[in-house]
C-alpha atoms as a PDB file:
ATOM      1  CA  UNK A   1      35.722  -6.926  38.318  1.00  0.00           C
ATOM      2  CA  UNK A   2      34.562  -3.304  38.592  1.00  0.00           C
ATOM      3  CA  UNK A   3      35.494  -2.780  34.933  1.00  0.00           C
ATOM      4  CA  UNK A   4      32.975  -5.472  33.963  1.00  0.00           C
ATOM      5  CA  UNK A   5      30.194  -3.689  35.887  1.00  0.00           C
ATOM      6  CA  UNK A   6      31.183  -0.357  34.316  1.00  0.00           C
ATOM      7  CA  UNK A   7      31.023  -1.835  30.797  1.00  0.00           C
ATOM      8  CA  UNK A   8      27.708  -3.505  31.586  1.00  0.00           C
ATOM      9  CA  UNK A   9      26.306  -0.164  32.718  1.00  0.00           C
ATOM     10  CA  UNK A  10      27.415   1.479  29.465  1.00  0.00           C
ATOM     11  CA  UNK A  11      25.815  -1.287  27.420  1.00  0.00           C
ATOM     12  CA  UNK A  12      22.557  -1.250  29.383  1.00  0.00           C
ATOM     13  CA  UNK A  13      19.664  -1.193  26.930  1.00  0.00           C
ATOM     14  CA  UNK A  14      17.470   1.844  26.685  1.00  0.00           C
ATOM     15  CA  UNK A  15      14.102   1.366  28.335  1.00  0.00           C
ATOM     16  CA  UNK A  16      10.728   1.456  26.644  1.00  0.00           C
ATOM     17  CA  UNK A  17       7.442   2.876  27.827  1.00  0.00           C
ATOM     18  CA  UNK A  18       4.014   1.333  27.583  1.00  0.00           C
ATOM     19  CA  UNK A  19       0.712   3.187  27.829  1.00  0.00           C
ATOM     20  CA  UNK A  20      -2.970   2.346  27.790  1.00  0.00           C
ATOM     21  CA  UNK A  21      -5.496   4.919  26.577  1.00  0.00           C
ATOM     22  CA  UNK A  22      -9.245   4.803  27.040  1.00  0.00           C
ATOM     23  CA  UNK A  23     -11.868   7.373  26.068  1.00  0.00           C
ATOM     24  CA  UNK A  24     -14.336   8.250  28.827  1.00  0.00           C
ATOM     25  CA  UNK A  25     -17.361   9.499  26.889  1.00  0.00           C
ATOM     26  CA  UNK A  26     -19.198  10.710  30.013  1.00  0.00           C
ATOM     27  CA  UNK A  27     -16.335  12.915  31.259  1.00  0.00           C
ATOM     28  CA  UNK A  28     -15.005  13.659  27.742  1.00  0.00           C
ATOM     29  CA  UNK A  29     -11.434  12.808  28.782  1.00  0.00           C
ATOM     30  CA  UNK A  30      -8.737  10.388  27.685  1.00  0.00           C
ATOM     31  CA  UNK A  31      -7.766   8.203  30.639  1.00  0.00           C
ATOM     32  CA  UNK A  32      -4.091   7.246  30.509  1.00  0.00           C
ATOM     33  CA  UNK A  33      -1.991   4.679  32.351  1.00  0.00           C
ATOM     34  CA  UNK A  34       1.704   5.146  31.503  1.00  0.00           C
ATOM     35  CA  UNK A  35       4.268   2.541  32.600  1.00  0.00           C
ATOM     36  CA  UNK A  36       7.848   3.694  33.108  1.00  0.00           C
ATOM     37  CA  UNK A  37      11.058   2.200  34.417  1.00  0.00           C
ATOM     38  CA  UNK A  38      11.902   3.887  37.763  1.00  0.00           C
ATOM     39  CA  UNK A  39      15.151   5.304  36.313  1.00  0.00           C
ATOM     40  CA  UNK A  40      13.144   6.867  33.486  1.00  0.00           C
ATOM     41  CA  UNK A  41      10.791   8.456  36.012  1.00  0.00           C
ATOM     42  CA  UNK A  42      13.827   9.993  37.740  1.00  0.00           C
ATOM     43  CA  UNK A  43      15.101  11.293  34.392  1.00  0.00           C
ATOM     44  CA  UNK A  44      11.751  12.910  33.611  1.00  0.00           C
ATOM     45  CA  UNK A  45      11.510  14.420  37.095  1.00  0.00           C
ATOM     46  CA  UNK A  46      15.004  15.952  36.864  1.00  0.00           C
ATOM     47  CA  UNK A  47      14.332  17.437  33.423  1.00  0.00           C
ATOM     48  CA  UNK A  48      10.818  18.613  34.205  1.00  0.00           C
ATOM     49  CA  UNK A  49      11.530  20.258  37.563  1.00  0.00           C
ATOM     50  CA  UNK A  50      14.158  22.580  36.090  1.00  0.00           C
ATOM     51  CA  UNK A  51      11.485  24.140  33.855  1.00  0.00           C
ATOM     52  CA  UNK A  52       8.389  23.846  36.006  1.00  0.00           C
ATOM     53  CA  UNK A  53       6.204  26.773  36.984  1.00  0.00           C
ATOM     54  CA  UNK A  54       2.719  26.886  38.545  1.00  0.00           C
ATOM     55  CA  UNK A  55      -0.088  26.126  36.116  1.00  0.00           C
ATOM     56  CA  UNK A  56      -3.561  27.600  36.144  1.00  0.00           C
ATOM     57  CA  UNK A  57      -6.161  25.087  37.291  1.00  0.00           C
ATOM     58  CA  UNK A  58      -9.934  25.087  36.771  1.00  0.00           C
ATOM     59  CA  UNK A  59     -12.131  26.439  39.552  1.00  0.00           C
ATOM     60  CA  UNK A  60     -12.717  23.867  42.257  1.00  0.00           C
ATOM     61  CA  UNK A  61      -9.357  22.102  41.771  1.00  0.00           C
ATOM     62  CA  UNK A  62      -6.370  22.695  44.023  1.00  0.00           C
ATOM     63  CA  UNK A  63      -2.952  23.639  42.691  1.00  0.00           C
ATOM     64  CA  UNK A  64      -0.858  20.453  42.272  1.00  0.00           C
ATOM     65  CA  UNK A  65       2.468  20.209  44.120  1.00  0.00           C
ATOM     66  CA  UNK A  66       5.687  21.155  42.315  1.00  0.00           C
ATOM     67  CA  UNK A  67       6.580  17.608  41.246  1.00  0.00           C
ATOM     68  CA  UNK A  68       3.085  16.914  39.935  1.00  0.00           C
ATOM     69  CA  UNK A  69       3.045  20.250  38.092  1.00  0.00           C
ATOM     70  CA  UNK A  70       6.407  19.412  36.512  1.00  0.00           C
ATOM     71  CA  UNK A  71       5.156  16.001  35.416  1.00  0.00           C
ATOM     72  CA  UNK A  72       1.951  17.447  33.935  1.00  0.00           C
ATOM     73  CA  UNK A  73       3.920  20.002  31.939  1.00  0.00           C
ATOM     74  CA  UNK A  74       6.288  17.302  30.707  1.00  0.00           C
ATOM     75  CA  UNK A  75       3.332  15.157  29.657  1.00  0.00           C
ATOM     76  CA  UNK A  76       1.621  18.096  27.940  1.00  0.00           C
ATOM     77  CA  UNK A  77       4.757  18.576  25.867  1.00  0.00           C
ATOM     78  CA  UNK A  78       5.587  14.926  25.169  1.00  0.00           C
ATOM     79  CA  UNK A  79       2.283  12.987  25.333  1.00  0.00           C
ATOM     80  CA  UNK A  80      -0.218  15.153  23.480  1.00  0.00           C
ATOM     81  CA  UNK A  81      -3.594  14.397  21.943  1.00  0.00           C
ATOM     82  CA  UNK A  82      -4.571  16.323  18.800  1.00  0.00           C
ATOM     83  CA  UNK A  83      -1.437  18.510  18.856  1.00  0.00           C
ATOM     84  CA  UNK A  84      -1.068  21.363  16.355  1.00  0.00           C
ATOM     85  CA  UNK A  85       0.545  20.289  13.081  1.00  0.00           C
ATOM     86  CA  UNK A  86       3.612  22.434  13.765  1.00  0.00           C
ATOM     87  CA  UNK A  87       3.844  21.404  17.461  1.00  0.00           C
ATOM     88  CA  UNK A  88       3.456  25.031  18.516  1.00  0.00           C
ATOM     89  CA  UNK A  89       1.305  25.477  21.573  1.00  0.00           C
ATOM     90  CA  UNK A  90       1.349  27.345  24.837  1.00  0.00           C
ATOM     91  CA  UNK A  91       2.725  24.756  27.252  1.00  0.00           C
ATOM     92  CA  UNK A  92       1.119  26.191  30.376  1.00  0.00           C
ATOM     93  CA  UNK A  93      -2.268  26.358  28.624  1.00  0.00           C
ATOM     94  CA  UNK A  94      -1.929  22.778  27.368  1.00  0.00           C
ATOM     95  CA  UNK A  95      -0.944  21.539  30.845  1.00  0.00           C
ATOM     96  CA  UNK A  96      -4.213  22.921  32.221  1.00  0.00           C
ATOM     97  CA  UNK A  97      -6.032  20.158  30.342  1.00  0.00           C
ATOM     98  CA  UNK A  98      -4.039  17.434  32.146  1.00  0.00           C
ATOM     99  CA  UNK A  99      -5.249  16.086  35.474  1.00  0.00           C
ATOM    100  CA  UNK A 100      -3.003  13.959  37.673  1.00  0.00           C
ATOM    101  CA  UNK A 101      -4.740  10.897  39.134  1.00  0.00           C
ATOM    102  CA  UNK A 102      -1.825   9.181  40.834  1.00  0.00           C
ATOM    103  CA  UNK A 103       1.261   7.013  40.793  1.00  0.00           C
ATOM    104  CA  UNK A 104       1.767   3.346  41.636  1.00  0.00           C
ATOM    105  CA  UNK A 105       4.806   1.082  41.885  1.00  0.00           C
ATOM    106  CA  UNK A 106       4.129  -2.418  40.627  1.00  0.00           C
ATOM    107  CA  UNK A 107       6.327  -5.327  39.483  1.00  0.00           C
ATOM    108  CA  UNK A 108       9.478  -3.225  39.106  1.00  0.00           C
ATOM    109  CA  UNK A 109       7.779  -0.448  37.144  1.00  0.00           C
ATOM    110  CA  UNK A 110       6.144   2.865  37.940  1.00  0.00           C
ATOM    111  CA  UNK A 111       2.666   3.607  36.621  1.00  0.00           C
ATOM    112  CA  UNK A 112       1.461   7.173  36.145  1.00  0.00           C
ATOM    113  CA  UNK A 113      -2.293   7.691  35.896  1.00  0.00           C
ATOM    114  CA  UNK A 114      -3.643  10.907  34.415  1.00  0.00           C
ATOM    115  CA  UNK A 115      -6.431  12.315  32.273  1.00  0.00           C
ATOM    116  CA  UNK A 116      -6.293  14.585  29.257  1.00  0.00           C
ATOM    117  CA  UNK A 117      -9.241  16.785  28.330  1.00  0.00           C
ATOM    118  CA  UNK A 118      -9.007  17.405  24.567  1.00  0.00           C
ATOM    119  CA  UNK A 119      -9.367  21.074  23.623  1.00  0.00           C
ATOM    120  CA  UNK A 120     -12.185  20.114  21.239  1.00  0.00           C
ATOM    121  CA  UNK A 121     -14.075  18.188  23.929  1.00  0.00           C
ATOM    122  CA  UNK A 122     -14.306  15.333  21.436  1.00  0.00           C
ATOM    123  CA  UNK A 123     -12.599  11.967  21.088  1.00  0.00           C
ATOM    124  CA  UNK A 124      -9.038  12.775  19.909  1.00  0.00           C
ATOM    125  CA  UNK A 125      -7.895  11.675  16.488  1.00  0.00           C
ATOM    126  CA  UNK A 126      -4.116  11.807  16.922  1.00  0.00           C
ATOM    127  CA  UNK A 127      -1.433  11.191  19.545  1.00  0.00           C
ATOM    128  CA  UNK A 128       2.073  12.646  19.617  1.00  0.00           C
ATOM    129  CA  UNK A 129       4.288  10.529  21.877  1.00  0.00           C
ATOM    130  CA  UNK A 130       7.869  11.761  22.416  1.00  0.00           C
ATOM    131  CA  UNK A 131       8.363  10.788  26.074  1.00  0.00           C
ATOM    132  CA  UNK A 132      12.088  10.519  26.862  1.00  0.00           C
ATOM    133  CA  UNK A 133      13.168  11.134  23.260  1.00  0.00           C
ATOM    134  CA  UNK A 134      14.590  14.425  24.553  1.00  0.00           C
ATOM    135  CA  UNK A 135      16.890  12.254  26.698  1.00  0.00           C
ATOM    136  CA  UNK A 136      17.830   9.464  24.265  1.00  0.00           C
ATOM    137  CA  UNK A 137      16.679   8.903  20.689  1.00  0.00           C
ATOM    138  CA  UNK A 138      16.744   5.092  21.118  1.00  0.00           C
ATOM    139  CA  UNK A 139      13.602   4.922  23.266  1.00  0.00           C
ATOM    140  CA  UNK A 140      10.648   2.930  21.966  1.00  0.00           C
ATOM    141  CA  UNK A 141       7.038   3.207  23.032  1.00  0.00           C
ATOM    142  CA  UNK A 142       3.845   1.189  22.693  1.00  0.00           C
ATOM    143  CA  UNK A 143       0.371   2.573  23.208  1.00  0.00           C
ATOM    144  CA  UNK A 144      -2.655   0.287  23.517  1.00  0.00           C
ATOM    145  CA  UNK A 145      -6.087   1.727  22.703  1.00  0.00           C
ATOM    146  CA  UNK A 146      -8.664   0.249  25.056  1.00  0.00           C
ATOM    147  CA  UNK A 147     -12.397   0.356  24.445  1.00  0.00           C
ATOM    148  CA  UNK A 148     -11.972  -0.551  20.793  1.00  0.00           C
ATOM    149  CA  UNK A 149     -12.975  -3.786  19.100  1.00  0.00           C
ATOM    150  CA  UNK A 150      -9.472  -4.322  17.678  1.00  0.00           C
ATOM    151  CA  UNK A 151      -7.480  -3.000  20.688  1.00  0.00           C
ATOM    152  CA  UNK A 152      -4.626  -1.790  18.449  1.00  0.00           C
ATOM    153  CA  UNK A 153      -1.136  -1.274  19.829  1.00  0.00           C
ATOM    154  CA  UNK A 154       0.593   1.712  18.272  1.00  0.00           C
ATOM    155  CA  UNK A 155       4.403   1.794  18.086  1.00  0.00           C
ATOM    156  CA  UNK A 156       6.289   5.074  18.575  1.00  0.00           C
ATOM    157  CA  UNK A 157       9.986   5.888  18.198  1.00  0.00           C
ATOM    158  CA  UNK A 158      12.213   8.718  16.968  1.00  0.00           C
ATOM    159  CA  UNK A 159      10.926   8.243  13.403  1.00  0.00           C
ATOM    160  CA  UNK A 160       7.265   7.735  14.329  1.00  0.00           C
ATOM    161  CA  UNK A 161       6.196  10.314  16.881  1.00  0.00           C
ATOM    162  CA  UNK A 162       2.614  10.802  15.657  1.00  0.00           C
ATOM    163  CA  UNK A 163      -0.083   8.190  15.122  1.00  0.00           C
ATOM    164  CA  UNK A 164      -3.745   8.319  14.217  1.00  0.00           C
ATOM    165  CA  UNK A 165      -6.006   7.097  17.005  1.00  0.00           C
ATOM    166  CA  UNK A 166      -8.455   4.621  15.474  1.00  0.00           C
ATOM    167  CA  UNK A 167     -11.066   4.214  18.177  1.00  0.00           C
ATOM    168  CA  UNK A 168     -13.195   1.938  15.996  1.00  0.00           C
ATOM    169  CA  UNK A 169     -16.318   4.088  16.189  1.00  0.00           C
ATOM    170  CA  UNK A 170     -18.055   6.252  13.631  1.00  0.00           C
ATOM    171  CA  UNK A 171     -17.178   9.906  14.120  1.00  0.00           C
END
């Protein structure tokens, strides 16, 4: 009987993430809700904490705790708006533009809420989404753009890691 459980564990499908993005024109930030499977959150936390270091924060904000700092750095590397074409950027500088809002467990999933302040201060035009692809290349992702007439859902996977963000407004 234990062999059946072992085989089932090996054949367990890879999880997918789901995110919702909304542009807050008043604050000039992208508001993000990212849904993860709890095991995927643990995977990210283990990977991120081994590389984490304190990040500089704007005046008036307190230094996030180690786990939050690790998550923000991971997100800055794997969930980036308007990234450089060659993906070269200073990770600690990029992480400064990410602000942790919170975490919630709901219906068997974990939701991470955070904001990204684009370097340009303008509505971002592109998203690079590679969350968990450093762990397993079979992950799939969907990102829903809120605040748009069409509400497009953008698919991401190992072959499609960058997508144009069509906010449905004249730039």
